[in-house]
Amino acid sequence: SPEIVKMSMDNTSIPLDMIFILNKIIVEIEANVPICRLSDCPNYGPEYAIDGVIELAAGEAERLKIKVGDQVSIRKI
């Protein structure tokens, strides 16, 4: 069920694009989020409830032309 989610980049080895989803629609993208080696890393994410997050290597959202408003379809394999 939807909830407010905050993502942190501590213990992450590469920069990421974070794609936030609600009801199968992309509602926000945090692009090129840097890794964090601090003891108090910033948090990323919208101030409203979402029901999914996809993480991609930094720059992939732009390369793939992913944008807010796009519909998402995820299939189990």
N, C-alpha and C. Protein backbone atom coordinates (compact mmCIF):
# COMPACT_ATOMS: atom_id res chain seq x y z
N SER A 1 0.84 -1.19 0.00
CA SER A 1 0.00 0.00 0.00
C SER A 1 0.89 1.25 0.00
N PRO A 2 0.38 2.35 -0.55
CA PRO A 2 1.19 3.56 -0.65
C PRO A 2 1.63 4.10 0.71
N GLU A 3 2.86 4.60 0.74
CA GLU A 3 3.40 5.24 1.93
C GLU A 3 4.50 6.21 1.53
N ILE A 4 4.81 7.15 2.40
CA ILE A 4 5.91 8.07 2.17
C ILE A 4 7.21 7.31 2.38
N VAL A 5 8.10 7.35 1.38
CA VAL A 5 9.35 6.60 1.41
C VAL A 5 10.51 7.57 1.19
N LYS A 6 11.53 7.44 1.99
CA LYS A 6 12.75 8.22 1.82
C LYS A 6 13.91 7.26 1.59
N MET A 7 14.69 7.52 0.54
CA MET A 7 15.82 6.68 0.17
C MET A 7 17.11 7.39 0.53
N SER A 8 18.10 6.63 0.95
CA SER A 8 19.42 7.17 1.30
C SER A 8 20.47 6.47 0.45
N MET A 9 21.57 7.15 0.19
CA MET A 9 22.63 6.58 -0.63
C MET A 9 23.79 6.03 0.20
N ASP A 10 23.61 5.91 1.52
CA ASP A 10 24.68 5.31 2.31
C ASP A 10 24.80 3.82 1.94
N ASN A 11 26.01 3.31 1.93
CA ASN A 11 26.31 1.93 1.55
C ASN A 11 25.94 1.61 0.10
N THR A 12 25.93 2.62 -0.75
CA THR A 12 25.67 2.42 -2.17
C THR A 12 26.96 2.68 -2.93
N SER A 13 27.28 1.82 -3.88
CA SER A 13 28.59 1.90 -4.52
C SER A 13 28.61 2.71 -5.82
N ILE A 14 27.45 2.98 -6.42
CA ILE A 14 27.41 3.77 -7.65
C ILE A 14 26.30 4.81 -7.56
N PRO A 15 26.43 5.94 -8.25
CA PRO A 15 25.33 6.92 -8.33
C PRO A 15 24.11 6.29 -9.01
N LEU A 16 22.93 6.74 -8.63
CA LEU A 16 21.70 6.14 -9.13
C LEU A 16 20.70 7.18 -9.64
N ASP A 17 19.79 6.72 -10.49
CA ASP A 17 18.54 7.42 -10.78
C ASP A 17 17.47 6.68 -9.98
N MET A 18 16.66 7.42 -9.23
CA MET A 18 15.56 6.82 -8.47
C MET A 18 14.25 7.24 -9.11
N ILE A 19 13.44 6.26 -9.44
CA ILE A 19 12.16 6.50 -10.11
C ILE A 19 11.05 6.11 -9.14
N PHE A 20 10.25 7.09 -8.75
CA PHE A 20 9.19 6.88 -7.76
C PHE A 20 7.86 6.72 -8.48
N ILE A 21 7.09 5.70 -8.05
CA ILE A 21 5.89 5.28 -8.76
C ILE A 21 4.68 5.27 -7.83
N LEU A 22 3.55 5.66 -8.37
CA LEU A 22 2.26 5.54 -7.68
C LEU A 22 1.23 5.07 -8.70
N ASN A 23 0.56 3.98 -8.39
CA ASN A 23 -0.48 3.43 -9.28
C ASN A 23 0.03 3.23 -10.70
N LYS A 24 1.25 2.69 -10.83
CA LYS A 24 1.86 2.36 -12.12
C LYS A 24 2.22 3.58 -12.97
N ILE A 25 2.28 4.76 -12.35
CA ILE A 25 2.65 5.99 -13.04
C ILE A 25 3.88 6.58 -12.37
N ILE A 26 4.86 7.00 -13.16
CA ILE A 26 6.05 7.66 -12.59
C ILE A 26 5.64 9.06 -12.12
N VAL A 27 5.84 9.31 -10.83
CA VAL A 27 5.42 10.59 -10.25
C VAL A 27 6.60 11.50 -9.90
N GLU A 28 7.81 10.94 -9.82
CA GLU A 28 8.99 11.76 -9.55
C GLU A 28 10.23 10.97 -9.94
N ILE A 29 11.24 11.70 -10.38
CA ILE A 29 12.54 11.11 -10.71
C ILE A 29 13.62 11.93 -10.02
N GLU A 30 14.46 11.26 -9.26
CA GLU A 30 15.67 11.86 -8.69
C GLU A 30 16.82 11.34 -9.54
N ALA A 31 17.40 12.21 -10.38
CA ALA A 31 18.41 11.78 -11.33
C ALA A 31 19.82 12.03 -10.81
N ASN A 32 20.72 11.12 -11.16
CA ASN A 32 22.14 11.27 -10.84
C ASN A 32 22.40 11.54 -9.36
N VAL A 33 21.78 10.76 -8.51
CA VAL A 33 21.96 10.91 -7.07
C VAL A 33 23.34 10.34 -6.69
N PRO A 34 24.20 11.16 -6.06
CA PRO A 34 25.56 10.70 -5.78
C PRO A 34 25.62 9.74 -4.59
N ILE A 35 26.68 8.93 -4.58
CA ILE A 35 26.92 8.07 -3.41
C ILE A 35 27.23 8.95 -2.22
N CYS A 36 27.11 8.41 -1.02
CA CYS A 36 27.35 9.18 0.19
C CYS A 36 28.24 8.38 1.13
N ARG A 37 29.31 8.99 1.55
CA ARG A 37 30.24 8.36 2.49
C ARG A 37 30.20 9.04 3.86
N LEU A 38 29.22 9.89 4.08
CA LEU A 38 29.08 10.60 5.35
C LEU A 38 28.33 9.75 6.36
N SER A 39 28.40 10.13 7.62
CA SER A 39 27.64 9.42 8.65
C SER A 39 26.17 9.83 8.64
N ASP A 40 25.86 10.99 8.06
CA ASP A 40 24.49 11.48 8.00
C ASP A 40 24.17 11.85 6.55
N CYS A 41 23.72 10.89 5.77
CA CYS A 41 23.46 11.09 4.34
C CYS A 41 22.08 11.71 4.13
N PRO A 42 21.93 12.53 3.07
CA PRO A 42 20.61 13.09 2.76
C PRO A 42 19.64 12.01 2.31
N ASN A 43 18.35 12.29 2.43
CA ASN A 43 17.30 11.40 1.98
C ASN A 43 16.66 11.95 0.71
N TYR A 44 16.17 11.05 -0.13
CA TYR A 44 15.56 11.43 -1.40
C TYR A 44 14.19 10.78 -1.49
N GLY A 45 13.27 11.49 -2.14
CA GLY A 45 11.92 10.97 -2.35
C GLY A 45 10.89 12.05 -2.18
N PRO A 46 9.72 11.82 -2.75
CA PRO A 46 8.65 12.82 -2.67
C PRO A 46 8.08 12.93 -1.26
N GLU A 47 7.39 14.02 -1.03
CA GLU A 47 6.75 14.27 0.27
C GLU A 47 5.35 13.69 0.33
N TYR A 48 5.02 12.82 -0.60
CA TYR A 48 3.70 12.18 -0.64
C TYR A 48 3.88 10.68 -0.83
N ALA A 49 2.82 9.95 -0.61
CA ALA A 49 2.88 8.49 -0.65
C ALA A 49 3.12 7.97 -2.07
N ILE A 50 3.91 6.91 -2.12
CA ILE A 50 4.17 6.19 -3.37
C ILE A 50 4.01 4.70 -3.09
N ASP A 51 3.98 3.89 -4.14
CA ASP A 51 3.89 2.45 -3.91
C ASP A 51 4.98 1.66 -4.62
N GLY A 52 6.01 2.37 -5.13
CA GLY A 52 7.13 1.66 -5.74
C GLY A 52 8.29 2.56 -6.05
N VAL A 53 9.48 1.98 -6.09
CA VAL A 53 10.71 2.69 -6.46
C VAL A 53 11.52 1.76 -7.36
N ILE A 54 12.03 2.32 -8.44
CA ILE A 54 12.96 1.60 -9.31
C ILE A 54 14.28 2.36 -9.26
N GLU A 55 15.37 1.62 -9.08
CA GLU A 55 16.70 2.23 -9.09
C GLU A 55 17.43 1.79 -10.35
N LEU A 56 18.02 2.77 -11.03
CA LEU A 56 18.81 2.52 -12.23
C LEU A 56 20.18 3.18 -12.05
N ALA A 57 21.17 2.73 -12.79
CA ALA A 57 22.45 3.42 -12.79
C ALA A 57 22.23 4.87 -13.22
N ALA A 58 22.97 5.79 -12.63
CA ALA A 58 22.81 7.22 -12.93
C ALA A 58 22.91 7.47 -14.43
N GLY A 59 21.99 8.27 -14.94
CA GLY A 59 21.97 8.62 -16.35
C GLY A 59 21.08 7.75 -17.21
N GLU A 60 20.66 6.60 -16.67
CA GLU A 60 19.84 5.67 -17.46
C GLU A 60 18.43 6.22 -17.72
N ALA A 61 17.85 6.92 -16.77
CA ALA A 61 16.50 7.46 -16.98
C ALA A 61 16.51 8.43 -18.16
N GLU A 62 17.52 9.29 -18.22
CA GLU A 62 17.63 10.23 -19.35
C GLU A 62 17.91 9.47 -20.65
N ARG A 63 18.85 8.54 -20.61
CA ARG A 63 19.20 7.78 -21.81
C ARG A 63 17.99 7.04 -22.38
N LEU A 64 17.17 6.49 -21.49
CA LEU A 64 15.98 5.73 -21.91
C LEU A 64 14.76 6.62 -22.13
N LYS A 65 14.94 7.94 -21.93
CA LYS A 65 13.86 8.92 -22.11
C LYS A 65 12.68 8.66 -21.18
N ILE A 66 12.98 8.20 -19.97
CA ILE A 66 11.95 7.97 -18.95
C ILE A 66 11.60 9.32 -18.35
N LYS A 67 10.29 9.59 -18.20
CA LYS A 67 9.88 10.88 -17.66
C LYS A 67 8.67 10.74 -16.75
N VAL A 68 8.46 11.77 -15.94
CA VAL A 68 7.28 11.82 -15.06
C VAL A 68 6.03 11.72 -15.93
N GLY A 69 5.09 10.91 -15.50
CA GLY A 69 3.85 10.69 -16.24
C GLY A 69 3.85 9.40 -17.05
N ASP A 70 5.04 8.83 -17.29
CA ASP A 70 5.11 7.56 -18.01
C ASP A 70 4.46 6.45 -17.18
N GLN A 71 3.84 5.50 -17.87
CA GLN A 71 3.25 4.34 -17.22
C GLN A 71 4.30 3.24 -17.09
N VAL A 72 4.22 2.50 -15.98
CA VAL A 72 5.17 1.43 -15.69
C VAL A 72 4.45 0.10 -15.71
N SER A 73 5.08 -0.89 -16.33
CA SER A 73 4.57 -2.25 -16.31
C SER A 73 5.71 -3.15 -15.84
N ILE A 74 5.49 -3.86 -14.76
CA ILE A 74 6.50 -4.74 -14.21
C ILE A 74 5.96 -6.17 -14.24
N ARG A 75 6.74 -7.05 -14.87
CA ARG A 75 6.35 -8.45 -14.96
C ARG A 75 7.29 -9.30 -14.13
N LYS A 76 6.74 -10.26 -13.44
CA LYS A 76 7.58 -11.21 -12.71
C LYS A 76 8.16 -12.19 -13.71
N ILE A 77 9.44 -12.55 -13.51
CA ILE A 77 10.04 -13.51 -14.41
C ILE A 77 10.52 -14.72 -13.64
